[in-house]
Protein backbone atom coordinates (compact mmCIF):
# COMPACT_ATOMS: atom_id res chain seq x y z
CA LEU A 1 45.16 -7.57 -4.70
CA ALA A 2 42.51 -7.30 -7.37
CA GLN A 3 44.28 -10.19 -9.11
CA ARG A 4 44.47 -12.22 -5.89
CA PRO A 5 41.14 -11.82 -4.09
CA ALA A 6 41.98 -14.57 -1.59
CA PHE A 7 44.99 -12.53 -0.45
CA ASP A 8 42.84 -9.42 -0.10
CA ARG A 9 40.28 -11.32 2.00
CA ALA A 10 43.01 -12.81 4.19
CA PHE A 11 44.71 -9.46 4.80
CA GLN A 12 41.42 -7.70 5.54
CA ALA A 13 40.44 -10.47 7.99
CA VAL A 14 43.74 -10.03 9.84
CA LYS A 15 43.28 -6.26 9.91
CA ARG A 16 39.86 -6.74 11.54
CA LYS A 17 40.96 -9.48 13.95
CA TRP A 18 44.41 -8.30 15.04
CA GLY A 19 44.50 -4.65 13.95
CA VAL A 20 47.55 -5.08 11.71
CA PRO A 21 47.40 -2.80 8.65
CA VAL A 22 47.37 -4.56 5.28
CA HIS A 23 50.54 -2.82 4.08
CA VAL A 24 52.50 -4.08 7.09
CA GLN A 25 51.37 -7.67 6.49
CA MET A 26 52.26 -7.43 2.81
CA ALA A 27 55.71 -5.93 3.43
CA ILE A 28 56.62 -8.70 5.86
CA ILE A 29 55.32 -11.49 3.63
CA HIS A 30 57.15 -10.00 0.65
CA GLN A 31 60.42 -9.95 2.57
CA GLU A 32 60.00 -13.40 4.06
CA SER A 33 58.77 -15.38 1.04
CA ARG A 34 58.12 -13.06 -1.92
CA PHE A 35 54.52 -14.36 -1.65
CA LYS A 36 55.67 -17.91 -2.43
CA ALA A 37 53.53 -20.48 -0.58
CA ASP A 38 56.21 -23.15 -0.29
CA ALA A 39 59.22 -20.92 0.35
CA ARG A 40 62.02 -22.53 2.36
CA THR A 41 65.43 -21.43 3.54
CA PRO A 42 68.40 -22.49 1.41
CA MET A 43 70.15 -25.82 1.91
CA LYS A 44 73.40 -26.05 3.87
CA TYR A 45 76.31 -27.90 2.27
CA ILE A 46 79.56 -29.46 3.43
CA LEU A 47 82.45 -28.76 1.06
CA GLY A 48 79.98 -26.94 -1.12
CA VAL A 49 78.44 -30.14 -2.53
CA ILE A 50 77.08 -32.42 0.21
CA PRO A 51 73.64 -31.24 1.40
CA THR A 52 73.17 -31.35 5.18
CA GLY A 53 69.68 -29.91 5.52
CA ARG A 54 68.04 -26.51 5.58
CA GLN A 55 69.37 -23.44 7.36
CA SER A 56 66.25 -23.43 9.55
CA SER A 57 62.74 -24.88 9.78
CA ALA A 58 61.22 -21.68 8.32
CA TYR A 59 58.53 -22.47 5.76
CA GLY A 60 55.70 -20.91 3.79
CA TYR A 61 54.47 -17.38 3.23
CA SER A 62 55.38 -16.26 6.74
CA GLN A 63 58.62 -18.26 7.07
CA ALA A 64 57.44 -19.26 10.54
CA LEU A 65 59.76 -21.61 12.41
CA ASP A 66 58.39 -24.97 13.57
CA GLY A 67 58.39 -24.03 17.26
CA THR A 68 56.73 -20.64 16.80
CA TRP A 69 54.15 -22.15 14.42
CA LYS A 70 53.32 -24.82 17.02
CA GLU A 71 52.93 -22.12 19.69
CA TYR A 72 50.60 -20.15 17.38
CA ARG A 73 48.44 -23.19 16.59
CA GLN A 74 48.12 -24.11 20.26
CA SER A 75 47.45 -20.60 21.55
CA THR A 76 44.83 -19.83 18.88
CA GLY A 77 43.25 -23.30 18.72
CA ARG A 78 43.88 -23.36 14.97
CA LEU A 79 45.43 -26.82 15.03
CA GLY A 80 44.86 -27.42 11.32
CA ALA A 81 46.54 -24.17 10.24
CA ARG A 82 49.12 -24.49 7.45
CA ARG A 83 52.06 -22.24 6.68
CA ASP A 84 51.47 -22.57 2.93
CA ASP A 85 47.91 -21.21 3.22
CA ILE A 86 47.69 -17.42 2.87
CA TYR A 87 44.83 -17.13 5.39
CA ASP A 88 46.76 -19.06 8.02
CA ALA A 89 50.09 -17.36 7.30
CA ALA A 90 48.55 -13.89 7.45
CA ASP A 91 46.73 -14.79 10.68
CA PHE A 92 50.03 -16.00 12.14
CA ILE A 93 51.66 -12.67 11.27
CA GLY A 94 48.74 -10.81 12.83
CA TRP A 95 48.99 -12.93 15.99
CA TYR A 96 52.76 -12.42 16.24
CA LEU A 97 52.69 -8.67 15.58
CA ALA A 98 49.79 -8.14 18.01
CA ALA A 99 51.85 -9.91 20.70
CA SER A 100 54.85 -7.71 19.88
CA ASN A 101 52.58 -4.69 20.23
CA ARG A 102 51.37 -5.88 23.66
CA GLU A 103 54.72 -7.06 25.00
CA LEU A 104 57.12 -4.55 23.44
CA GLY A 105 54.90 -1.55 22.76
CA ILE A 106 55.67 -1.55 19.02
CA SER A 107 52.90 0.14 17.06
CA LEU A 108 51.08 -2.19 14.69
CA SER A 109 51.79 0.28 11.88
CA ASP A 110 55.55 0.49 12.62
CA THR A 111 56.66 -1.78 9.79
CA ARG A 112 60.39 -1.53 10.51
CA ASN A 113 60.35 -2.33 14.22
CA GLN A 114 57.64 -4.96 13.87
CA TYR A 115 59.82 -6.63 11.23
CA LEU A 116 62.88 -6.50 13.49
CA ALA A 117 60.91 -8.13 16.33
CA TYR A 118 59.48 -10.68 13.88
CA HIS A 119 62.93 -11.58 12.54
CA GLU A 120 64.87 -11.57 15.82
CA GLY A 121 62.09 -12.79 18.09
CA ARG A 122 60.76 -10.65 20.91
CA THR A 123 63.61 -11.58 23.26
CA GLY A 124 66.19 -10.69 20.61
CA TYR A 125 64.39 -7.43 19.94
CA LYS A 126 64.43 -6.57 23.67
CA ARG A 127 68.18 -7.25 23.71
CA ARG A 128 68.55 -5.13 20.56
CA SER A 129 70.44 -7.97 18.88
CA TYR A 130 69.66 -6.38 15.51
CA ASN A 131 72.07 -3.52 16.24
CA SER A 132 75.03 -5.85 15.66
CA LYS A 133 73.63 -6.94 12.27
CA ARG A 134 74.14 -4.13 9.77
CA TRP A 135 72.61 -6.28 7.02
CA LEU A 136 69.41 -6.72 9.05
CA LEU A 137 69.12 -2.99 9.71
CA ASP A 138 69.42 -2.46 5.95
CA VAL A 139 66.76 -5.12 5.28
CA SER A 140 64.42 -3.58 7.87
CA ALA A 141 64.76 -0.20 6.15
CA LYS A 142 63.80 -1.85 2.84
CA VAL A 143 60.82 -3.55 4.50
CA ARG A 144 59.68 -0.17 5.83
CA ALA A 145 60.10 1.43 2.39
CA ARG A 146 58.16 -1.40 0.73
CA GLY A 147 55.45 -1.03 3.37
CA ASN A 148 55.22 2.68 2.61
CA THR A 149 54.92 1.90 -1.10
CA TYR A 150 52.19 -0.68 -0.45
CA GLU A 151 50.36 1.80 1.79
CA ARG A 152 50.33 4.44 -0.98
CA GLN A 153 49.22 1.91 -3.60
CA LEU A 154 46.45 0.55 -1.38
CA ARG A 155 45.20 4.06 -0.65
CA ILE A 156 45.06 4.84 -4.39
CA CYS A 157 43.05 1.71 -5.18
CA GLY A 158 40.84 2.08 -2.09
CA ARG A 159 41.95 -1.13 -0.36
CA SER A 160 43.83 0.17 2.68
């Protein structure tokens, strides 16, 4: 974060506004986009060669879908927010995780379950749809481990 002060400011602002710890934000953004501003889902192909579009509308640091991004912009009044802007993407994650905390009772510091709700949507999380996706359970464990690593690193450098 010392090398990316804008990221540090964005994550700290979200921590103050929504209560989401920095390490949780970072772990989710790492998993979703590897901190790449213009990240997109892979293309779909017919017969392996004819492109038919993207797998989903997910875009940017947060990989927010078009519909969820629209809901965020309307509910927060941040109509000019952009998914490829770290401030906006981090704020989106804070908004989404805070809602999951309110609606599902998931602690804001529970990286694994917040990630599962983020990935599956709150309705999918309530239905426990993730239990039928072994790969997603494995990914959520990695997100938790990365969050724990970030938490230790942030504590050492005094940025938690």
